[in-house]
PDB file of N, CA and C in Angstrom:
ATOM      1  N   MET A   1      -3.451  -9.775  12.650  1.00  0.00           N
ATOM      2  CA  MET A   1      -3.244  -9.382  10.870  1.00  0.00           C
ATOM      3  C   MET A   1      -1.598  -8.396  11.032  1.00  0.00           C
ATOM      4  N   SER A   2      -0.989  -9.336   9.702  1.00  0.00           N
ATOM      5  CA  SER A   2       0.771  -8.898   9.365  1.00  0.00           C
ATOM      6  C   SER A   2       0.626  -8.348   8.017  1.00  0.00           C
ATOM      7  N   LYS A   3       1.597  -7.032   7.872  1.00  0.00           N
ATOM      8  CA  LYS A   3       1.888  -6.737   6.433  1.00  0.00           C
ATOM      9  C   LYS A   3       2.058  -8.383   5.525  1.00  0.00           C
ATOM     10  N   SER A   4       2.899  -9.245   6.338  1.00  0.00           N
ATOM     11  CA  SER A   4       2.799 -10.951   4.984  1.00  0.00           C
ATOM     12  C   SER A   4       1.548 -11.417   4.944  1.00  0.00           C
ATOM     13  N   TYR A   5       1.049 -11.554   5.506  1.00  0.00           N
ATOM     14  CA  TYR A   5      -0.651 -11.576   5.482  1.00  0.00           C
ATOM     15  C   TYR A   5      -1.379 -10.682   4.544  1.00  0.00           C
ATOM     16  N   TYR A   6      -1.220  -9.335   4.417  1.00  0.00           N
ATOM     17  CA  TYR A   6      -2.221  -8.387   3.687  1.00  0.00           C
ATOM     18  C   TYR A   6      -1.211  -8.651   2.397  1.00  0.00           C
ATOM     19  N   GLY A   7      -0.128  -8.380   2.438  1.00  0.00           N
ATOM     20  CA  GLY A   7       0.661  -8.731   0.536  1.00  0.00           C
ATOM     21  C   GLY A   7       0.752 -10.155   0.289  1.00  0.00           C
ATOM     22  N   SER A   8       0.041 -11.307   0.982  1.00  0.00           N
ATOM     23  CA  SER A   8       0.155 -12.464   0.247  1.00  0.00           C
ATOM     24  C   SER A   8      -1.584 -12.630  -0.169  1.00  0.00           C
ATOM     25  N   GLU A   9      -2.668 -12.123   0.173  1.00  0.00           N
ATOM     26  CA  GLU A   9      -3.858 -11.863   0.368  1.00  0.00           C
ATOM     27  C   GLU A   9      -4.221 -11.082  -0.815  1.00  0.00           C
ATOM     28  N   LEU A  10      -3.294  -9.791  -1.017  1.00  0.00           N
ATOM     29  CA  LEU A  10      -4.148  -8.783  -2.099  1.00  0.00           C
ATOM     30  C   LEU A  10      -3.219 -10.227  -3.710  1.00  0.00           C
ATOM     31  N   GLN A  11      -1.608 -10.393  -3.403  1.00  0.00           N
ATOM     32  CA  GLN A  11      -1.047 -11.214  -4.211  1.00  0.00           C
ATOM     33  C   GLN A  11      -2.030 -12.595  -4.715  1.00  0.00           C
ATOM     34  N   ASN A  12      -2.333 -12.846  -3.929  1.00  0.00           N
ATOM     35  CA  ASN A  12      -3.999 -14.558  -4.372  1.00  0.00           C
ATOM     36  C   ASN A  12      -5.121 -13.709  -5.075  1.00  0.00           C
ATOM     37  N   LEU A  13      -5.588 -12.509  -4.426  1.00  0.00           N
ATOM     38  CA  LEU A  13      -6.570 -11.559  -5.193  1.00  0.00           C
ATOM     39  C   LEU A  13      -6.067 -11.437  -6.882  1.00  0.00           C
ATOM     40  N   ARG A  14      -4.965 -10.851  -6.816  1.00  0.00           N
ATOM     41  CA  ARG A  14      -4.669 -10.066  -8.183  1.00  0.00           C
ATOM     42  C   ARG A  14      -4.750 -12.028  -8.956  1.00  0.00           C
ATOM     43  N   GLU A  15      -3.892 -12.776  -8.551  1.00  0.00           N
ATOM     44  CA  GLU A  15      -4.211 -14.352  -9.295  1.00  0.00           C
ATOM     45  C   GLU A  15      -5.020 -14.662  -9.490  1.00  0.00           C
ATOM     46  N   ASP A  16      -5.652 -15.043  -8.363  1.00  0.00           N
ATOM     47  CA  ASP A  16      -7.533 -15.425  -9.138  1.00  0.00           C
ATOM     48  C   ASP A  16      -8.007 -14.299  -9.786  1.00  0.00           C
ATOM     49  N   LYS A  17      -8.131 -13.298  -9.852  1.00  0.00           N
ATOM     50  CA  LYS A  17      -8.366 -12.061 -10.825  1.00  0.00           C
ATOM     51  C   LYS A  17      -7.995 -12.785 -12.080  1.00  0.00           C
ATOM     52  N   LYS A  18      -6.604 -12.738 -12.156  1.00  0.00           N
ATOM     53  CA  LYS A  18      -6.076 -12.656 -13.476  1.00  0.00           C
ATOM     54  C   LYS A  18      -6.485 -14.125 -14.440  1.00  0.00           C
ATOM     55  N   ILE A  19      -6.376 -15.948 -13.388  1.00  0.00           N
ATOM     56  CA  ILE A  19      -7.423 -16.786 -13.600  1.00  0.00           C
ATOM     57  C   ILE A  19      -8.783 -16.790 -14.019  1.00  0.00           C
ATOM     58  N   ARG A  20      -9.400 -15.718 -13.825  1.00  0.00           N
ATOM     59  CA  ARG A  20     -10.954 -15.633 -13.520  1.00  0.00           C
ATOM     60  C   ARG A  20     -11.379 -14.777 -14.829  1.00  0.00           C
ATOM     61  N   ALA A  21     -10.538 -13.965 -15.352  1.00  0.00           N
ATOM     62  CA  ALA A  21     -10.481 -12.969 -16.765  1.00  0.00           C
ATOM     63  C   ALA A  21     -10.225 -13.897 -17.094  1.00  0.00           C
ATOM     64  N   LYS A  22      -9.337 -14.954 -17.190  1.00  0.00           N
ATOM     65  CA  LYS A  22      -8.931 -15.568 -18.725  1.00  0.00           C
ATOM     66  C   LYS A  22      -9.661 -16.398 -19.077  1.00  0.00           C
ATOM     67  N   GLU A  23     -10.807 -16.968 -18.057  1.00  0.00           N
ATOM     68  CA  GLU A  23     -11.573 -18.205 -18.045  1.00  0.00           C
ATOM     69  C   GLU A  23     -12.955 -17.295 -18.357  1.00  0.00           C
ATOM     70  N   PHE A  24     -13.401 -16.866 -17.880  1.00  0.00           N
ATOM     71  CA  PHE A  24     -14.917 -16.018 -18.320  1.00  0.00           C
ATOM     72  C   PHE A  24     -14.957 -14.994 -19.325  1.00  0.00           C
ATOM     73  N   LYS A  25     -13.750 -13.897 -19.226  1.00  0.00           N
ATOM     74  CA  LYS A  25     -13.630 -12.820 -20.581  1.00  0.00           C
ATOM     75  C   LYS A  25     -14.705 -11.886 -20.027  1.00  0.00           C
ATOM     76  N   GLU A  26     -14.790 -11.487 -18.892  1.00  0.00           N
ATOM     77  CA  GLU A  26     -15.573 -10.782 -18.623  1.00  0.00           C
ATOM     78  C   GLU A  26     -15.709  -9.929 -17.623  1.00  0.00           C
ATOM     79  N   ALA A  27     -15.932  -8.691 -16.778  1.00  0.00           N
ATOM     80  CA  ALA A  27     -15.250  -8.399 -16.140  1.00  0.00           C
ATOM     81  C   ALA A  27     -15.113  -8.527 -14.580  1.00  0.00           C
ATOM     82  N   SER A  28     -14.593  -9.074 -14.124  1.00  0.00           N
ATOM     83  CA  SER A  28     -14.529  -9.473 -13.066  1.00  0.00           C
ATOM     84  C   SER A  28     -14.743  -8.648 -11.272  1.00  0.00           C
ATOM     85  N   GLY A  29     -14.896  -7.288 -11.565  1.00  0.00           N
ATOM     86  CA  GLY A  29     -14.916  -6.670 -10.545  1.00  0.00           C
ATOM     87  C   GLY A  29     -16.102  -6.678 -10.366  1.00  0.00           C
ATOM     88  N   ASN A  30     -17.356  -7.609 -10.838  1.00  0.00           N
ATOM     89  CA  ASN A  30     -18.614  -7.292  -9.903  1.00  0.00           C
ATOM     90  C   ASN A  30     -18.983  -8.946  -9.040  1.00  0.00           C
ATOM     91  N   ARG A  31     -18.106  -9.811  -9.337  1.00  0.00           N
ATOM     92  CA  ARG A  31     -17.924 -10.604  -8.446  1.00  0.00           C
ATOM     93  C   ARG A  31     -17.444 -10.330  -7.185  1.00  0.00           C
ATOM     94  N   ASN A  32     -17.552 -11.376  -6.467  1.00  0.00           N
ATOM     95  CA  ASN A  32     -17.521 -11.881  -4.982  1.00  0.00           C
ATOM     96  C   ASN A  32     -16.026 -13.007  -5.048  1.00  0.00           C
ATOM     97  N   ILE A  33     -15.297 -12.670  -4.161  1.00  0.00           N
ATOM     98  CA  ILE A  33     -14.383 -13.976  -3.889  1.00  0.00           C
ATOM     99  C   ILE A  33     -14.547 -14.495  -2.745  1.00  0.00           C
ATOM    100  N   GLN A  34     -13.256 -15.165  -2.451  1.00  0.00           N
ATOM    101  CA  GLN A  34     -13.184 -15.877  -1.066  1.00  0.00           C
ATOM    102  C   GLN A  34     -13.429 -14.812   0.351  1.00  0.00           C
ATOM    103  N   ARG A  35     -14.178 -15.463   1.426  1.00  0.00           N
ATOM    104  CA  ARG A  35     -14.209 -14.582   2.232  1.00  0.00           C
ATOM    105  C   ARG A  35     -12.502 -13.416   3.379  1.00  0.00           C
ATOM    106  N   MET A  36     -12.997 -12.944   3.918  1.00  0.00           N
ATOM    107  CA  MET A  36     -11.579 -11.783   4.300  1.00  0.00           C
ATOM    108  C   MET A  36     -12.348 -11.781   5.912  1.00  0.00           C
ATOM    109  N   ILE A  37     -11.758 -11.800   6.011  1.00  0.00           N
ATOM    110  CA  ILE A  37     -12.034 -12.061   7.853  1.00  0.00           C
ATOM    111  C   ILE A  37     -11.459 -10.743   8.529  1.00  0.00           C
ATOM    112  N   VAL A  38     -12.341  -9.144   8.891  1.00  0.00           N
ATOM    113  CA  VAL A  38     -11.103  -8.309   9.338  1.00  0.00           C
ATOM    114  C   VAL A  38     -12.281  -7.899  10.984  1.00  0.00           C
ATOM    115  N   ASN A  39     -11.269  -7.823  12.073  1.00  0.00           N
ATOM    116  CA  ASN A  39     -11.382  -7.739  13.550  1.00  0.00           C
ATOM    117  C   ASN A  39     -12.638  -8.535  13.515  1.00  0.00           C
ATOM    118  N   ALA A  40     -12.721 -10.305  13.128  1.00  0.00           N
ATOM    119  CA  ALA A  40     -13.599 -11.264  13.559  1.00  0.00           C
ATOM    120  C   ALA A  40     -14.843 -10.733  12.516  1.00  0.00           C
ATOM    121  N   GLU A  41     -15.101  -9.954  11.491  1.00  0.00           N
ATOM    122  CA  GLU A  41     -16.391  -9.736  11.003  1.00  0.00           C
ATOM    123  C   GLU A  41     -15.926 -10.291   9.054  1.00  0.00           C
ATOM    124  N   MET A  42     -16.440 -11.230   9.090  1.00  0.00           N
ATOM    125  CA  MET A  42     -16.782 -11.417   7.725  1.00  0.00           C
ATOM    126  C   MET A  42     -17.551 -10.792   6.780  1.00  0.00           C
ATOM    127  N   LEU A  43     -15.741 -10.990   5.859  1.00  0.00           N
ATOM    128  CA  LEU A  43     -15.981  -9.392   4.478  1.00  0.00           C
ATOM    129  C   LEU A  43     -16.399 -10.043   2.929  1.00  0.00           C
ATOM    130  N   GLY A  44     -17.248 -11.339   2.955  1.00  0.00           N
ATOM    131  CA  GLY A  44     -17.238 -12.308   2.083  1.00  0.00           C
ATOM    132  C   GLY A  44     -17.922 -11.722   0.537  1.00  0.00           C
ATOM    133  N   SER A  45     -18.963 -10.874   0.686  1.00  0.00           N
ATOM    134  CA  SER A  45     -19.894  -9.959  -0.202  1.00  0.00           C
ATOM    135  C   SER A  45     -19.754  -8.729  -0.770  1.00  0.00           C
ATOM    136  N   MET A  46     -17.876  -8.756  -0.375  1.00  0.00           N
ATOM    137  CA  MET A  46     -17.396  -7.053  -0.846  1.00  0.00           C
ATOM    138  C   MET A  46     -16.850  -7.737  -2.216  1.00  0.00           C
ATOM    139  N   PRO A  47     -17.035  -6.714  -3.249  1.00  0.00           N
ATOM    140  CA  PRO A  47     -16.229  -7.296  -4.583  1.00  0.00           C
ATOM    141  C   PRO A  47     -14.814  -6.898  -4.299  1.00  0.00           C
ATOM    142  N   ARG A  48     -14.710  -7.654  -5.677  1.00  0.00           N
ATOM    143  CA  ARG A  48     -13.065  -7.750  -5.810  1.00  0.00           C
ATOM    144  C   ARG A  48     -12.284  -6.050  -5.841  1.00  0.00           C
ATOM    145  N   ASP A  49     -12.702  -5.695  -6.397  1.00  0.00           N
ATOM    146  CA  ASP A  49     -11.872  -4.295  -6.081  1.00  0.00           C
ATOM    147  C   ASP A  49     -12.150  -3.791  -5.242  1.00  0.00           C
ATOM    148  N   ALA A  50     -12.564  -3.840  -4.981  1.00  0.00           N
ATOM    149  CA  ALA A  50     -12.978  -3.175  -2.720  1.00  0.00           C
ATOM    150  C   ALA A  50     -11.833  -3.747  -1.783  1.00  0.00           C
ATOM    151  N   GLN A  51     -11.828  -5.086  -2.458  1.00  0.00           N
ATOM    152  CA  GLN A  51     -10.816  -6.163  -1.560  1.00  0.00           C
ATOM    153  C   GLN A  51      -9.286  -5.609  -1.320  1.00  0.00           C
ATOM    154  N   ASP A  52      -9.542  -5.355  -3.314  1.00  0.00           N
ATOM    155  CA  ASP A  52      -8.038  -5.134  -3.169  1.00  0.00           C
ATOM    156  C   ASP A  52      -7.248  -3.315  -2.935  1.00  0.00           C
ATOM    157  N   LYS A  53      -8.594  -2.682  -2.834  1.00  0.00           N
ATOM    158  CA  LYS A  53      -8.051  -1.266  -2.309  1.00  0.00           C
ATOM    159  C   LYS A  53      -7.942  -1.232  -0.881  1.00  0.00           C
ATOM    160  N   VAL A  54      -8.983  -2.344  -0.112  1.00  0.00           N
ATOM    161  CA  VAL A  54      -8.564  -2.489   1.665  1.00  0.00           C
ATOM    162  C   VAL A  54      -7.109  -3.431   1.759  1.00  0.00           C
ATOM    163  N   LEU A  55      -6.782  -4.298   1.331  1.00  0.00           N
ATOM    164  CA  LEU A  55      -5.528  -4.812   1.212  1.00  0.00           C
ATOM    165  C   LEU A  55      -4.314  -3.778   0.795  1.00  0.00           C
ATOM    166  N   GLN A  56      -4.641  -2.604  -0.199  1.00  0.00           N
ATOM    167  CA  GLN A  56      -3.360  -1.975  -0.168  1.00  0.00           C
ATOM    168  C   GLN A  56      -3.728  -0.942   0.864  1.00  0.00           C
ATOM    169  N   CYS A  57      -4.721  -0.284   0.707  1.00  0.00           N
ATOM    170  CA  CYS A  57      -4.638   0.783   2.362  1.00  0.00           C
ATOM    171  C   CYS A  57      -4.164  -0.188   3.866  1.00  0.00           C
ATOM    172  N   ALA A  58      -4.222  -1.155   3.496  1.00  0.00           N
ATOM    173  CA  ALA A  58      -3.463  -2.265   4.844  1.00  0.00           C
ATOM    174  C   ALA A  58      -2.237  -2.115   4.713  1.00  0.00           C
ATOM    175  N   LEU A  59      -1.597  -2.508   3.701  1.00  0.00           N
ATOM    176  CA  LEU A  59      -0.177  -2.150   3.215  1.00  0.00           C
ATOM    177  C   LEU A  59       0.507  -1.064   3.533  1.00  0.00           C
ATOM    178  N   VAL A  60      -0.071  -0.239   3.418  1.00  0.00           N
ATOM    179  CA  VAL A  60       0.032   1.068   3.117  1.00  0.00           C
ATOM    180  C   VAL A  60       0.106   1.564   4.852  1.00  0.00           C
ATOM    181  N   THR A  61      -0.587   1.128   5.572  1.00  0.00           N
ATOM    182  CA  THR A  61      -0.788   1.555   6.836  1.00  0.00           C
ATOM    183  C   THR A  61       0.328   0.412   7.964  1.00  0.00           C
ATOM    184  N   TYR A  62       1.186  -0.513   7.260  1.00  0.00           N
ATOM    185  CA  TYR A  62       2.038  -1.278   8.121  1.00  0.00           C
ATOM    186  C   TYR A  62       3.328  -0.294   7.406  1.00  0.00           C
ATOM    187  N   ASP A  63       3.657   0.023   6.481  1.00  0.00           N
ATOM    188  CA  ASP A  63       4.319   0.900   5.795  1.00  0.00           C
ATOM    189  C   ASP A  63       4.256   1.515   6.288  1.00  0.00           C
ATOM    190  N   LEU A  64       3.728   2.877   7.051  1.00  0.00           N
ATOM    191  CA  LEU A  64       4.280   4.127   7.811  1.00  0.00           C
ATOM    192  C   LEU A  64       4.396   3.579   9.253  1.00  0.00           C
ATOM    193  N   MET A  65       3.674   2.771   9.604  1.00  0.00           N
ATOM    194  CA  MET A  65       3.940   2.369  11.093  1.00  0.00           C
ATOM    195  C   MET A  65       5.736   2.064  11.240  1.00  0.00           C
ATOM    196  N   GLU A  66       6.055   1.088   9.801  1.00  0.00           N
ATOM    197  CA  GLU A  66       7.053   1.041  10.258  1.00  0.00           C
ATOM    198  C   GLU A  66       8.076   2.215  10.040  1.00  0.00           C
ATOM    199  N   SER A  67       7.870   3.199   9.266  1.00  0.00           N
ATOM    200  CA  SER A  67       8.768   4.335   9.410  1.00  0.00           C
ATOM    201  C   SER A  67       8.136   5.282  10.337  1.00  0.00           C
ATOM    202  N   LEU A  68       7.363   5.250  10.790  1.00  0.00           N
ATOM    203  CA  LEU A  68       7.062   6.125  12.566  1.00  0.00           C
ATOM    204  C   LEU A  68       8.121   5.170  13.528  1.00  0.00           C
ATOM    205  N   VAL A  69       8.584   3.891  13.582  1.00  0.00           N
ATOM    206  CA  VAL A  69       9.103   3.170  14.326  1.00  0.00           C
ATOM    207  C   VAL A  69      10.232   3.808  13.982  1.00  0.00           C
ATOM    208  N   VAL A  70      11.099   3.775  13.029  1.00  0.00           N
ATOM    209  CA  VAL A  70      12.448   3.941  13.047  1.00  0.00           C
ATOM    210  C   VAL A  70      12.794   5.688  13.231  1.00  0.00           C
ATOM    211  N   LEU A  71      11.666   6.231  12.894  1.00  0.00           N
ATOM    212  CA  LEU A  71      11.933   7.700  13.617  1.00  0.00           C
ATOM    213  C   LEU A  71      11.848   7.815  15.057  1.00  0.00           C
ATOM    214  N   ILE A  72      10.702   6.941  15.499  1.00  0.00           N
ATOM    215  CA  ILE A  72      10.534   7.329  17.336  1.00  0.00           C
ATOM    216  C   ILE A  72      11.951   6.798  17.991  1.00  0.00           C
ATOM    217  N   GLU A  73      12.445   5.333  16.879  1.00  0.00           N
ATOM    218  CA  GLU A  73      13.892   4.729  17.814  1.00  0.00           C
ATOM    219  C   GLU A  73      14.924   6.075  17.362  1.00  0.00           C
ATOM    220  N   GLU A  74      14.725   6.512  16.185  1.00  0.00           N
ATOM    221  CA  GLU A  74      16.104   7.540  16.361  1.00  0.00           C
ATOM    222  C   GLU A  74      15.798   8.749  17.092  1.00  0.00           C
ATOM    223  N   ASN A  75      15.079   9.189  17.469  1.00  0.00           N
ATOM    224  CA  ASN A  75      14.380  10.279  18.211  1.00  0.00           C
ATOM    225  C   ASN A  75      15.001   9.858  19.721  1.00  0.00           C
ATOM    226  N   ILE A  76      14.912   8.374  19.910  1.00  0.00           N
ATOM    227  CA  ILE A  76      15.426   8.149  21.321  1.00  0.00           C
ATOM    228  C   ILE A  76      16.567   7.809  21.478  1.00  0.00           C
ATOM    229  N   LYS A  77      17.000   7.275  20.599  1.00  0.00           N
ATOM    230  CA  LYS A  77      19.086   7.157  20.461  1.00  0.00           C
ATOM    231  C   LYS A  77      19.629   8.649  20.329  1.00  0.00           C
ATOM    232  N   ASN A  78      18.723   9.463  19.959  1.00  0.00           N
ATOM    233  CA  ASN A  78      19.822  10.647  19.400  1.00  0.00           C
ATOM    234  C   ASN A  78      18.834  11.975  19.614  1.00  0.00           C
ATOM    235  N   PRO A  79      18.131  12.567  20.877  1.00  0.00           N
ATOM    236  CA  PRO A  79      17.841  13.215  21.079  1.00  0.00           C
ATOM    237  C   PRO A  79      18.062  14.795  21.169  1.00  0.00           C
ATOM    238  N   GLU A  80      17.483  15.514  20.678  1.00  0.00           N
ATOM    239  CA  GLU A  80      18.527  16.890  20.152  1.00  0.00           C
ATOM    240  C   GLU A  80      18.003  18.053  21.547  1.00  0.00           C
TER     241      GLU A  80
END
């Protein structure tokens, strides 16, 4: 999975929440949405809010990994 995948899933999740909120005028946090596959495991029964948090954490993780790669490359190019 890539950073763009998690970003698009998070965007789809938020758009779906907006649409359902307009349609039902009920709290959408207790309803389930499409199934997500993480490490070949289905997570369809996860509430929307939990899915939102998982996707946000995945994006933060990718940002941290990118930062580490940049720091490692800088240290390789300019050893002290």
